[in-house]
Amino acid sequence: MKSPSRILLSGSALCLGLLILVQLSGYQQPVVHGDMIAEGGGFTMLTMGGRSASRDQDTHCLILLDNHGGWMMAYELVGARPKRTIELLDGGPMERLFERGRFLPRPPAGP
């Protein structure tokens, strides 16, 4: 016959294992990271710091999403204050923008 402490330890291990399985198999909500996120009227605006491919310095970007129409526009703040301007980086239907990423060359698999 098993001791009560061994039964308690086995039960705790079983509960912990079940909790881990529930967490791993649960629905994963997509997460968006940004400095500021605002949503309203069918649009989402996201601002973030980043580095443009064409510049060696940090920049500030604005992403505007049309939630109903499925469009995304990306802008970059260019220049120094007070003469800063906003330039369009890319934009269009999200379906087309993300389709481009599917066909980018991938590195070879394996070591």
C-alpha atoms as a PDB file:
ATOM      1  CA  MET A   1       0.000   0.000   0.000  1.00  0.00           C
ATOM      2  CA  LYS A   2       1.223   3.495  -0.848  1.00  0.00           C
ATOM      3  CA  SER A   3       1.854   6.118   1.790  1.00  0.00           C
ATOM      4  CA  PRO A   4      -0.470   9.176   1.951  1.00  0.00           C
ATOM      5  CA  SER A   5       2.377  11.541   1.020  1.00  0.00           C
ATOM      6  CA  ARG A   6       3.141   9.515  -2.118  1.00  0.00           C
ATOM      7  CA  ILE A   7      -0.544   9.572  -3.142  1.00  0.00           C
ATOM      8  CA  LEU A   8      -0.671  13.343  -2.561  1.00  0.00           C
ATOM      9  CA  LEU A   9       2.504  13.863  -4.614  1.00  0.00           C
ATOM     10  CA  SER A  10       1.145  11.741  -7.480  1.00  0.00           C
ATOM     11  CA  GLY A  11      -2.169  13.620  -7.433  1.00  0.00           C
ATOM     12  CA  SER A  12      -0.386  16.983  -7.471  1.00  0.00           C
ATOM     13  CA  ALA A  13       1.787  15.902 -10.411  1.00  0.00           C
ATOM     14  CA  LEU A  14      -1.314  14.743 -12.304  1.00  0.00           C
ATOM     15  CA  CYS A  15      -3.118  18.062 -11.677  1.00  0.00           C
ATOM     16  CA  LEU A  16      -0.077  20.044 -12.746  1.00  0.00           C
ATOM     17  CA  GLY A  17       0.268  17.971 -15.924  1.00  0.00           C
ATOM     18  CA  LEU A  18      -3.397  18.532 -16.780  1.00  0.00           C
ATOM     19  CA  LEU A  19      -3.078  22.284 -16.230  1.00  0.00           C
ATOM     20  CA  ILE A  20      -0.055  22.420 -18.535  1.00  0.00           C
ATOM     21  CA  LEU A  21      -1.936  20.486 -21.241  1.00  0.00           C
ATOM     22  CA  VAL A  22      -4.928  22.843 -20.973  1.00  0.00           C
ATOM     23  CA  GLN A  23      -2.663  25.900 -21.337  1.00  0.00           C
ATOM     24  CA  LEU A  24      -0.791  24.467 -24.323  1.00  0.00           C
ATOM     25  CA  SER A  25      -3.898  23.399 -26.199  1.00  0.00           C
ATOM     26  CA  GLY A  26      -5.985  26.491 -25.427  1.00  0.00           C
ATOM     27  CA  TYR A  27      -6.989  29.157 -27.929  1.00  0.00           C
ATOM     28  CA  GLN A  28      -4.173  31.619 -28.509  1.00  0.00           C
ATOM     29  CA  GLN A  29      -5.339  35.205 -29.029  1.00  0.00           C
ATOM     30  CA  PRO A  30      -3.088  37.119 -31.462  1.00  0.00           C
ATOM     31  CA  VAL A  31      -1.065  39.808 -29.693  1.00  0.00           C
ATOM     32  CA  VAL A  32      -0.130  43.173 -31.175  1.00  0.00           C
ATOM     33  CA  HIS A  33       2.732  45.168 -29.693  1.00  0.00           C
ATOM     34  CA  GLY A  34       3.105  48.898 -30.151  1.00  0.00           C
ATOM     35  CA  ASP A  35       3.765  52.154 -28.369  1.00  0.00           C
ATOM     36  CA  MET A  36       0.148  53.239 -28.765  1.00  0.00           C
ATOM     37  CA  ILE A  37      -2.901  51.397 -30.079  1.00  0.00           C
ATOM     38  CA  ALA A  38      -6.190  53.212 -30.725  1.00  0.00           C
ATOM     39  CA  GLU A  39      -9.329  51.705 -32.215  1.00  0.00           C
ATOM     40  CA  GLY A  40     -12.624  53.223 -33.274  1.00  0.00           C
ATOM     41  CA  GLY A  41     -14.985  53.645 -36.176  1.00  0.00           C
ATOM     42  CA  GLY A  42     -13.748  50.506 -37.921  1.00  0.00           C
ATOM     43  CA  PHE A  43     -10.107  51.625 -37.899  1.00  0.00           C
ATOM     44  CA  THR A  44      -7.098  50.650 -35.780  1.00  0.00           C
ATOM     45  CA  MET A  45      -4.087  52.944 -35.446  1.00  0.00           C
ATOM     46  CA  LEU A  46      -0.781  51.599 -34.139  1.00  0.00           C
ATOM     47  CA  THR A  47       2.344  53.653 -33.515  1.00  0.00           C
ATOM     48  CA  MET A  48       5.775  52.175 -32.864  1.00  0.00           C
ATOM     49  CA  GLY A  49       9.444  52.932 -32.859  1.00  0.00           C
ATOM     50  CA  GLY A  50      11.583  51.044 -35.305  1.00  0.00           C
ATOM     51  CA  ARG A  51      14.383  51.141 -37.792  1.00  0.00           C
ATOM     52  CA  SER A  52      13.723  51.666 -41.463  1.00  0.00           C
ATOM     53  CA  ALA A  53      15.653  49.499 -43.897  1.00  0.00           C
ATOM     54  CA  SER A  54      16.844  52.586 -45.745  1.00  0.00           C
ATOM     55  CA  ARG A  55      18.015  54.516 -42.669  1.00  0.00           C
ATOM     56  CA  ASP A  56      20.593  53.904 -39.959  1.00  0.00           C
ATOM     57  CA  GLN A  57      18.642  55.657 -37.238  1.00  0.00           C
ATOM     58  CA  ASP A  58      15.538  54.876 -35.261  1.00  0.00           C
ATOM     59  CA  THR A  59      12.270  56.125 -36.715  1.00  0.00           C
ATOM     60  CA  HIS A  60       8.644  56.355 -35.678  1.00  0.00           C
ATOM     61  CA  CYS A  61       6.018  54.508 -37.688  1.00  0.00           C
ATOM     62  CA  LEU A  62       2.248  54.698 -37.960  1.00  0.00           C
ATOM     63  CA  ILE A  63       0.193  51.712 -39.109  1.00  0.00           C
ATOM     64  CA  LEU A  64      -3.430  52.359 -40.069  1.00  0.00           C
ATOM     65  CA  LEU A  65      -5.769  49.374 -40.463  1.00  0.00           C
ATOM     66  CA  ASP A  66      -9.199  49.524 -42.089  1.00  0.00           C
ATOM     67  CA  ASN A  67     -10.890  46.699 -40.183  1.00  0.00           C
ATOM     68  CA  HIS A  68     -13.915  46.544 -42.501  1.00  0.00           C
ATOM     69  CA  GLY A  69     -12.205  46.949 -45.859  1.00  0.00           C
ATOM     70  CA  GLY A  70      -9.127  44.860 -45.031  1.00  0.00           C
ATOM     71  CA  TRP A  71      -6.616  47.572 -45.939  1.00  0.00           C
ATOM     72  CA  MET A  72      -3.352  48.421 -44.187  1.00  0.00           C
ATOM     73  CA  MET A  73      -1.244  51.547 -44.682  1.00  0.00           C
ATOM     74  CA  ALA A  74       2.231  52.046 -43.167  1.00  0.00           C
ATOM     75  CA  TYR A  75       3.677  55.533 -42.706  1.00  0.00           C
ATOM     76  CA  GLU A  76       6.982  56.831 -41.340  1.00  0.00           C
ATOM     77  CA  LEU A  77       7.712  60.142 -39.609  1.00  0.00           C
ATOM     78  CA  VAL A  78      10.640  61.733 -41.444  1.00  0.00           C
ATOM     79  CA  GLY A  79      12.768  64.739 -40.547  1.00  0.00           C
ATOM     80  CA  ALA A  80      13.407  66.736 -37.418  1.00  0.00           C
ATOM     81  CA  ARG A  81      10.917  68.794 -35.501  1.00  0.00           C
ATOM     82  CA  PRO A  82       9.216  71.154 -36.276  1.00  0.00           C
ATOM     83  CA  LYS A  83       9.367  70.308 -40.004  1.00  0.00           C
ATOM     84  CA  ARG A  84       8.614  66.607 -39.607  1.00  0.00           C
ATOM     85  CA  THR A  85       6.564  65.021 -42.401  1.00  0.00           C
ATOM     86  CA  ILE A  86       4.729  61.738 -42.832  1.00  0.00           C
ATOM     87  CA  GLU A  87       5.727  59.523 -45.778  1.00  0.00           C
ATOM     88  CA  LEU A  88       3.862  56.480 -47.053  1.00  0.00           C
ATOM     89  CA  LEU A  89       6.022  53.337 -46.812  1.00  0.00           C
ATOM     90  CA  ASP A  90       3.604  50.772 -48.228  1.00  0.00           C
ATOM     91  CA  GLY A  91      -0.052  49.935 -48.242  1.00  0.00           C
ATOM     92  CA  GLY A  92      -2.898  48.142 -49.867  1.00  0.00           C
ATOM     93  CA  PRO A  93      -5.216  45.217 -49.261  1.00  0.00           C
ATOM     94  CA  MET A  94      -3.849  43.061 -46.426  1.00  0.00           C
ATOM     95  CA  GLU A  95      -4.475  39.980 -48.535  1.00  0.00           C
ATOM     96  CA  ARG A  96      -1.989  41.242 -51.134  1.00  0.00           C
ATOM     97  CA  LEU A  97       0.552  42.534 -48.606  1.00  0.00           C
ATOM     98  CA  PHE A  98       0.733  39.261 -46.694  1.00  0.00           C
ATOM     99  CA  GLU A  99       0.690  37.189 -49.876  1.00  0.00           C
ATOM    100  CA  ARG A 100       4.097  38.720 -50.735  1.00  0.00           C
ATOM    101  CA  GLY A 101       5.574  37.321 -47.526  1.00  0.00           C
ATOM    102  CA  ARG A 102       4.567  33.767 -48.409  1.00  0.00           C
ATOM    103  CA  PHE A 103       6.841  33.679 -51.416  1.00  0.00           C
ATOM    104  CA  LEU A 104       9.986  35.169 -49.893  1.00  0.00           C
ATOM    105  CA  PRO A 105      12.972  32.807 -50.144  1.00  0.00           C
ATOM    106  CA  ARG A 106      13.471  30.733 -47.007  1.00  0.00           C
ATOM    107  CA  PRO A 107      16.809  29.627 -45.610  1.00  0.00           C
ATOM    108  CA  PRO A 108      17.657  25.941 -46.013  1.00  0.00           C
ATOM    109  CA  ALA A 109      16.325  23.725 -43.244  1.00  0.00           C
ATOM    110  CA  GLY A 110      18.556  21.797 -40.912  1.00  0.00           C
ATOM    111  CA  PRO A 111      22.058  22.337 -39.526  1.00  0.00           C
END
